[in-house]
Amino acid sequence: MRETVSMNSADLCATLFFRLVDKGFTSNQVERLVKDTYHIVKDGGFFTLESINETLIALGWDTNAMDTYSLNLLLNLIKKAFNIEVVSHSIN
């Protein structure tokens, strides 16, 4: 699989869409999940995948609606689409 940092916006969007569809989401649910996740992170701050999923659960989503790879795709899409700095760190 290609690195997300080398994908263009269309590649990122398509990969994110098909990844979430493969997880069992409908196209309408993918749109809502992306919008909900975007609204969680759009104002900046420090987030973890766990804190994002906790907020998504409060919005009615199932546990672990967002996974690490999907979140990274979305963050890279936001970075490219809005030309803003997005910094993410992985802790193992």
Protein backbone atom coordinates (compact mmCIF):
# COMPACT_ATOMS: atom_id res chain seq x y z
CA MET A 1 0.00 0.00 0.00
CA ARG A 2 1.25 3.49 -0.81
CA GLU A 3 2.31 5.88 1.93
CA THR A 4 -0.43 8.40 2.68
CA VAL A 5 2.01 11.33 2.46
CA SER A 6 2.66 10.66 -1.25
CA MET A 7 -1.01 10.45 -2.26
CA ASN A 8 -2.84 13.33 -3.87
CA SER A 9 -6.18 14.51 -2.47
CA ALA A 10 -8.24 12.34 -4.82
CA ASP A 11 -6.22 9.25 -3.88
CA LEU A 12 -6.58 10.03 -0.18
CA CYS A 13 -10.32 10.57 -0.50
CA ALA A 14 -10.88 7.38 -2.50
CA THR A 15 -8.69 5.28 -0.22
CA LEU A 16 -10.45 6.61 2.87
CA PHE A 17 -13.88 6.03 1.35
CA PHE A 18 -13.18 2.44 0.29
CA ARG A 19 -11.43 1.64 3.57
CA LEU A 20 -14.49 2.74 5.55
CA VAL A 21 -16.87 0.93 3.18
CA ASP A 22 -14.76 -2.20 3.67
CA LYS A 23 -15.28 -1.75 7.42
CA GLY A 24 -19.04 -2.00 6.79
CA PHE A 25 -20.10 1.64 6.57
CA THR A 26 -22.56 2.79 3.90
CA SER A 27 -21.62 5.73 1.69
CA ASN A 28 -23.92 7.99 3.74
CA GLN A 29 -22.30 6.80 6.96
CA VAL A 30 -18.82 7.43 5.53
CA GLU A 31 -19.80 11.01 4.75
CA ARG A 32 -21.20 11.55 8.25
CA LEU A 33 -18.23 9.87 9.96
CA VAL A 34 -15.74 12.00 8.04
CA LYS A 35 -17.72 15.16 8.84
CA ASP A 36 -18.06 14.25 12.51
CA THR A 37 -14.36 13.44 12.82
CA TYR A 38 -13.42 16.63 10.99
CA HIS A 39 -15.54 18.69 13.40
CA ILE A 40 -13.76 17.06 16.34
CA VAL A 41 -10.27 17.98 15.11
CA LYS A 42 -10.85 21.14 13.04
CA ASP A 43 -10.11 23.64 15.79
CA GLY A 44 -6.80 22.00 16.64
CA GLY A 45 -5.55 20.72 19.93
CA PHE A 46 -4.18 17.44 21.11
CA PHE A 47 -6.14 14.30 20.31
CA THR A 48 -5.66 10.60 20.57
CA LEU A 49 -7.46 7.99 18.55
CA GLU A 50 -9.12 6.94 21.79
CA SER A 51 -10.38 10.45 22.57
CA ILE A 52 -11.69 10.88 19.03
CA ASN A 53 -13.53 7.57 19.24
CA GLU A 54 -14.96 8.50 22.65
CA THR A 55 -16.38 11.68 21.14
CA LEU A 56 -17.71 9.73 18.18
CA ILE A 57 -19.41 7.29 20.57
CA ALA A 58 -21.10 10.27 22.27
CA LEU A 59 -22.35 11.26 18.79
CA GLY A 60 -23.88 7.81 18.31
CA TRP A 61 -21.12 5.91 16.53
CA ASP A 62 -20.05 2.39 17.47
CA THR A 63 -16.87 1.77 19.43
CA ASN A 64 -13.72 2.21 17.33
CA ALA A 65 -15.54 3.75 14.38
CA MET A 66 -12.30 5.46 13.41
CA ASP A 67 -9.09 3.43 13.16
CA THR A 68 -5.48 4.62 13.02
CA TYR A 69 -5.03 4.29 9.26
CA SER A 70 -8.37 5.95 8.43
CA LEU A 71 -7.59 8.81 10.80
CA ASN A 72 -4.16 9.31 9.20
CA LEU A 73 -5.79 9.36 5.76
CA LEU A 74 -8.27 11.98 6.94
CA LEU A 75 -5.59 14.12 8.58
CA ASN A 76 -3.49 14.03 5.42
CA LEU A 77 -6.55 14.92 3.35
CA ILE A 78 -7.26 17.90 5.62
CA LYS A 79 -3.63 18.94 5.34
CA LYS A 80 -3.69 18.84 1.54
CA ALA A 81 -7.19 20.27 1.05
CA PHE A 82 -6.80 23.21 3.42
CA ASN A 83 -3.03 23.66 3.24
CA ILE A 84 -2.73 23.61 7.01
CA GLU A 85 -0.17 22.01 9.25
CA VAL A 86 -1.25 18.75 10.80
CA VAL A 87 1.18 17.02 13.12
CA SER A 88 0.60 13.49 14.27
CA HIS A 89 2.71 11.23 16.43
CA SER A 90 2.53 7.48 16.83
CA ILE A 91 3.34 6.00 20.19
CA ASN A 92 3.97 2.30 20.29
